[in-house]
Amino acid sequence: QAGQHESKPMLNARDRLYGQSGEQDERGTTIRFTIPIMASDAYSYSLIQGRAYHLLLAYSVDDDFMHHSRVRSQTTVTL
C-alpha cells in the first residue's frame, strides 16, 4: 500500500547506498551517494550504463518517512 513501505532491514535486504554525505548552505542542499551497478538481492535491480533512470526527490519538515513530503520533484539521470 502506498506510503506504508517496509524498510530494507525488515525485508532482510541489503542497503545499497554507500558513502552518503550531504551539506546545506544558502544556495541549497547537496547530497552524494554511491549505488552498486549489480543487484544484490530480490529487492534491487542491476543498473545499465547509458540508460536513463528517474530519481524522486522529496523534502519534508519531519524526518519520519511516513510523514507527507512538503515538496516532491522528479528528475532523470543517465548513467
Protein backbone atom coordinates (compact mmCIF):
# COMPACT_ATOMS: atom_id res chain seq x y z
CA GLN A 1 0.00 0.00 0.00
CA ALA A 2 1.29 3.46 -0.89
CA GLY A 3 3.02 5.21 1.98
CA GLN A 4 3.44 2.03 4.05
CA HIS A 5 6.80 0.72 2.86
CA GLU A 6 8.84 -1.74 4.88
CA SER A 7 12.48 -0.87 5.46
CA LYS A 8 15.15 -2.95 3.74
CA PRO A 9 16.40 -4.41 7.06
CA MET A 10 12.84 -5.59 7.84
CA LEU A 11 12.89 -7.43 4.50
CA ASN A 12 16.37 -8.89 5.16
CA ALA A 13 17.62 -6.89 2.17
CA ARG A 14 20.94 -5.07 1.89
CA ASP A 15 21.24 -1.30 1.93
CA ARG A 16 22.73 -0.42 -1.45
CA LEU A 17 23.77 3.15 -0.65
CA TYR A 18 27.39 3.78 0.26
CA GLY A 19 29.39 6.90 1.05
CA GLN A 20 26.36 9.00 1.91
CA SER A 21 27.11 12.64 2.65
CA GLY A 22 25.31 15.92 2.48
CA GLU A 23 25.66 19.61 3.05
CA GLN A 24 23.40 22.60 3.13
CA ASP A 25 24.14 26.26 2.56
CA GLU A 26 22.36 29.40 1.34
CA ARG A 27 22.25 28.01 -2.23
CA GLY A 28 20.53 24.74 -1.27
CA THR A 29 21.22 21.16 -0.27
CA THR A 30 23.71 18.79 -1.90
CA ILE A 31 23.61 15.02 -1.34
CA ARG A 32 26.13 12.44 -2.53
CA PHE A 33 25.99 8.66 -2.54
CA THR A 34 27.17 5.62 -4.46
CA ILE A 35 24.98 2.74 -5.66
CA PRO A 36 26.50 -0.56 -6.88
CA ILE A 37 25.77 -1.41 -10.51
CA MET A 38 24.94 -5.07 -9.86
CA ALA A 39 21.81 -6.13 -7.97
CA SER A 40 22.48 -7.67 -4.57
CA ASP A 41 19.04 -9.11 -3.71
CA ALA A 42 15.49 -9.58 -4.98
CA TYR A 43 14.56 -6.02 -3.94
CA SER A 44 17.03 -4.30 -6.27
CA TYR A 45 17.99 -4.44 -9.93
CA SER A 46 21.18 -4.05 -11.92
CA LEU A 47 21.88 -0.66 -13.46
CA ILE A 48 22.85 -0.27 -17.12
CA GLN A 49 25.32 2.36 -18.33
CA GLY A 50 23.75 4.78 -20.81
CA ARG A 51 20.22 4.10 -19.59
CA ALA A 52 18.03 6.85 -18.11
CA TYR A 53 16.61 6.41 -14.60
CA HIS A 54 14.01 8.51 -12.77
CA LEU A 55 15.13 9.95 -9.46
CA LEU A 56 12.45 11.06 -6.99
CA LEU A 57 13.41 13.93 -4.70
CA ALA A 58 11.36 14.98 -1.70
CA TYR A 59 11.53 17.49 1.13
CA SER A 60 9.70 17.35 4.43
CA VAL A 61 9.79 19.28 7.68
CA ASP A 62 9.82 15.93 9.52
CA ASP A 63 12.50 13.19 9.40
CA ASP A 64 9.81 10.48 9.65
CA PHE A 65 9.41 8.80 6.25
CA MET A 66 5.73 8.15 7.00
CA HIS A 67 5.23 11.94 7.11
CA HIS A 68 3.95 13.62 3.92
CA SER A 69 6.50 15.49 1.85
CA ARG A 70 6.16 19.25 1.60
CA VAL A 71 7.78 19.30 -1.84
CA ARG A 72 8.35 16.49 -4.33
CA SER A 73 10.10 16.56 -7.66
CA GLN A 74 11.47 14.11 -10.18
CA THR A 75 14.50 14.31 -12.43
CA THR A 76 16.05 11.95 -14.95
CA VAL A 77 19.63 10.76 -14.54
CA THR A 78 21.52 8.96 -17.31
CA LEU A 79 24.36 6.72 -16.17
